[in-house]
Every structure is written in C-alpha cells, then in structure tokens.
Amino acid sequence: MLKTILSISGRPGLFKLVNQGKNMLIVESLATGKRTPAYAHDKVISLGDIAIYTEDEDTPLADVFETIKEKNDGKPVDVKALGGDKEIRDYFATILPDFDDDRVYTNDIKKVFSWYNQLIAAGIDKFKDEEIAQDEAAEAAEAADDAQTTKK
C-alpha cells in the first residue's frame, strides 16, 4: 500500500499515485483529493522505499507505522503533547527501541509521526503489502468460486 503513497519535496502533505504520463506522474493529495502532475524534476519518494536506521539493519517504514498503530490503538499521535525533542525521542524509542540515535534526527521522527497522522486521517490503516496482497488474493479466489458456481 505504501508503494503508491508519495512524498514530494516542496509540496505539503502526502499524495497517492493515480496514473503515469509521459515524463510525469498524476498524483492526488490525500488531504484535499485534488489531482496535480508531478514532473520528472520533482523529487518524488515512495513511502514504501523508506526505512528507519537501526543498530542492526534498517526497518521498513511500514513496520514502524504498524507499531505506532498498535501502540496508539489506531489513533493519531499528538506530537505537541509529547513535549520537546527528548520526550519525542524517548517515545519513539518505545516504538522502535533499537533505532540509531546518531543517524535518526528528531525532525525525521516528527516527519514519521506527521505522515502516520496524515495516513490515518485519509483512512489508510493497512501499511504492509502482504496483508493487502492476501486480502486481494482471498477476494479473487472468492470471485472465481462465485463465477464457477454461477456457471454450473
């Protein structure tokens, strides 16, 4: 799911990939639903390609989002209520205990919380592709069974 959610430098918010054109992407804002082009010169990053530095190996952003969702019961994170930089880092340490303290900055953590809140506000609460792929496979199998049943 996160493969189609994009962050575009210089533009606020997150975007959903709608279509691809020649030398551009058509994206839709998660907040407003407005569709706009993103050109080849724009710095576009898929959330599915982002990982958080840890002591051992990097942790995919989808796993971090799942942990945040479990910890907050699917509710948004109130970053302002957490307090200052130390409190935000301490809270993030409860979510991802082995994150690399030297390479993960407080602004990065705030951005992760901001993205999580935007996804929750847009009604996106499934972050891992495996779950969605399994759901789609189950639906396809069910549809195939229904099609065979109606043929008989």
Protein backbone atom coordinates (compact mmCIF):
# COMPACT_ATOMS: atom_id res chain seq x y z
CA MET A 1 0.00 0.00 0.00
CA LEU A 2 2.75 2.44 0.86
CA LYS A 3 4.32 1.98 -2.60
CA THR A 4 1.58 4.18 -4.10
CA ILE A 5 1.78 6.85 -1.37
CA LEU A 6 4.29 9.55 -2.28
CA SER A 7 6.08 12.43 -0.64
CA ILE A 8 7.04 15.25 -3.00
CA SER A 9 9.71 17.75 -1.95
CA GLY A 10 8.43 21.29 -1.84
CA ARG A 11 4.79 20.25 -1.54
CA PRO A 12 2.98 19.84 1.76
CA GLY A 13 1.29 16.56 2.61
CA LEU A 14 1.24 13.13 1.06
CA PHE A 15 -0.02 12.09 -2.37
CA LYS A 16 -1.49 8.95 -3.88
CA LEU A 17 -0.23 7.85 -7.27
CA VAL A 18 -3.16 7.85 -9.69
CA ASN A 19 -1.56 7.39 -13.10
CA GLN A 20 1.63 7.83 -15.07
CA GLY A 21 2.05 10.03 -18.09
CA LYS A 22 4.99 10.85 -20.30
CA ASN A 23 7.66 12.44 -18.07
CA MET A 24 5.18 12.95 -15.23
CA LEU A 25 3.03 11.30 -12.60
CA ILE A 26 -0.57 12.17 -11.85
CA VAL A 27 -0.93 12.39 -8.08
CA GLU A 28 -3.88 13.06 -5.79
CA SER A 29 -3.50 14.85 -2.47
CA LEU A 30 -4.60 12.68 0.46
CA ALA A 31 -5.82 15.76 2.31
CA THR A 32 -7.79 17.57 -0.42
CA GLY A 33 -8.30 14.97 -3.15
CA LYS A 34 -7.03 17.47 -5.73
CA ARG A 35 -5.14 15.91 -8.65
CA THR A 36 -1.95 17.51 -9.94
CA PRO A 37 1.03 16.46 -12.07
CA ALA A 38 4.43 15.68 -10.57
CA TYR A 39 7.13 16.16 -13.15
CA ALA A 40 10.46 14.40 -13.65
CA HIS A 41 12.36 17.26 -11.97
CA ASP A 42 10.31 16.95 -8.74
CA LYS A 43 11.89 14.89 -6.00
CA VAL A 44 9.30 12.14 -5.50
CA ILE A 45 9.78 9.42 -2.88
CA SER A 46 7.53 6.45 -2.27
CA LEU A 47 6.88 5.75 1.42
CA GLY A 48 7.34 2.06 0.62
CA ASP A 49 11.00 2.76 -0.21
CA ILE A 50 11.79 4.48 3.10
CA ALA A 51 13.37 2.70 6.06
CA ILE A 52 14.49 3.87 9.50
CA TYR A 53 18.12 3.37 10.55
CA THR A 54 18.56 0.89 13.39
CA GLU A 55 21.59 -0.58 15.13
CA ASP A 56 21.46 -3.82 13.10
CA GLU A 57 19.62 -3.34 9.82
CA ASP A 58 17.11 -0.80 8.58
CA THR A 59 13.44 -1.20 9.49
CA PRO A 60 10.87 -0.54 6.74
CA LEU A 61 8.54 2.40 7.36
CA ALA A 62 5.52 0.10 7.07
CA ASP A 63 6.71 -1.86 10.12
CA VAL A 64 7.20 1.37 12.07
CA PHE A 65 3.69 2.55 11.11
CA GLU A 66 2.21 -0.80 12.23
CA THR A 67 3.93 -0.49 15.60
CA ILE A 68 2.71 3.10 16.01
CA LYS A 69 -0.83 1.95 15.15
CA GLU A 70 -0.70 -0.83 17.75
CA LYS A 71 0.72 1.49 20.42
CA ASN A 72 -1.90 4.21 19.78
CA ASP A 73 -4.88 1.91 19.11
CA GLY A 74 -5.12 3.25 15.55
CA LYS A 75 -5.40 6.88 16.71
CA PRO A 76 -3.19 9.78 15.57
CA VAL A 77 -0.07 10.73 17.52
CA ASP A 78 -0.25 14.14 19.23
CA VAL A 79 3.35 15.31 18.77
CA LYS A 80 2.78 18.61 20.58
CA ALA A 81 1.51 16.79 23.67
CA LEU A 82 4.70 14.71 23.78
CA GLY A 83 6.76 17.80 24.55
CA GLY A 84 10.30 18.61 23.48
CA ASP A 85 12.92 16.77 21.47
CA LYS A 86 13.98 14.45 24.30
CA GLU A 87 10.40 13.34 25.02
CA ILE A 88 9.72 12.73 21.30
CA ARG A 89 12.91 10.64 21.01
CA ASP A 90 12.01 8.72 24.19
CA TYR A 91 8.52 7.98 22.85
CA PHE A 92 9.95 6.86 19.51
CA ALA A 93 12.32 4.57 21.43
CA THR A 94 9.24 2.77 22.82
CA ILE A 95 8.10 2.20 19.22
CA LEU A 96 11.48 1.27 17.71
CA PRO A 97 13.86 0.55 20.61
CA ASP A 98 16.97 -0.08 18.51
CA PHE A 99 16.78 2.98 16.23
CA ASP A 100 20.16 4.55 15.52
CA ASP A 101 20.29 7.56 17.83
CA ASP A 102 23.06 9.22 15.80
CA ARG A 103 21.57 8.90 12.31
CA VAL A 104 17.87 9.42 13.06
CA TYR A 105 17.18 13.08 13.78
CA THR A 106 14.26 14.47 15.77
CA ASN A 107 12.90 16.11 12.60
CA ASP A 108 12.86 12.67 10.94
CA ILE A 109 10.83 11.29 13.84
CA LYS A 110 8.40 14.22 13.65
CA LYS A 111 8.00 13.60 9.92
CA VAL A 112 7.24 9.90 10.54
CA PHE A 113 4.55 10.88 13.06
CA SER A 114 3.18 13.51 10.66
CA TRP A 115 2.98 11.01 7.80
CA TYR A 116 1.32 8.45 10.08
CA ASN A 117 -1.28 11.05 11.15
CA GLN A 118 -1.97 12.01 7.51
CA LEU A 119 -2.45 8.36 6.51
CA ILE A 120 -4.83 7.74 9.44
CA ALA A 121 -6.78 10.93 8.58
CA ALA A 122 -7.10 9.69 4.98
CA GLY A 123 -8.50 6.36 6.20
CA ILE A 124 -5.40 4.33 5.34
CA ASP A 125 -4.62 1.97 8.19
CA LYS A 126 -3.11 -1.04 6.41
CA PHE A 127 0.55 -0.38 5.85
CA LYS A 128 2.03 -3.73 4.89
CA ASP A 129 1.69 -5.03 1.34
CA GLU A 130 1.48 -8.69 2.43
CA GLU A 131 -1.78 -8.12 4.28
CA ILE A 132 -3.33 -6.34 1.34
CA ALA A 133 -2.00 -8.91 -1.15
CA GLN A 134 -3.51 -11.70 0.95
CA ASP A 135 -6.83 -9.84 1.13
CA GLU A 136 -6.84 -9.29 -2.63
CA ALA A 137 -5.92 -12.94 -3.26
CA ALA A 138 -8.75 -14.08 -0.99
CA GLU A 139 -11.21 -11.78 -2.78
CA ALA A 140 -10.03 -13.02 -6.20
CA ALA A 141 -10.39 -16.65 -5.09
CA GLU A 142 -13.87 -15.91 -3.77
CA ALA A 143 -14.84 -14.20 -7.03
CA ALA A 144 -13.53 -17.19 -9.01
CA ASP A 145 -15.57 -19.56 -6.83
CA ASP A 146 -18.66 -17.44 -7.37
CA ALA A 147 -18.06 -17.42 -11.14
CA GLN A 148 -17.76 -21.22 -11.21
CA THR A 149 -20.87 -21.61 -9.07
CA THR A 150 -22.93 -19.47 -11.46
CA LYS A 151 -21.70 -21.48 -14.50
CA LYS A 152 -22.97 -24.76 -13.08
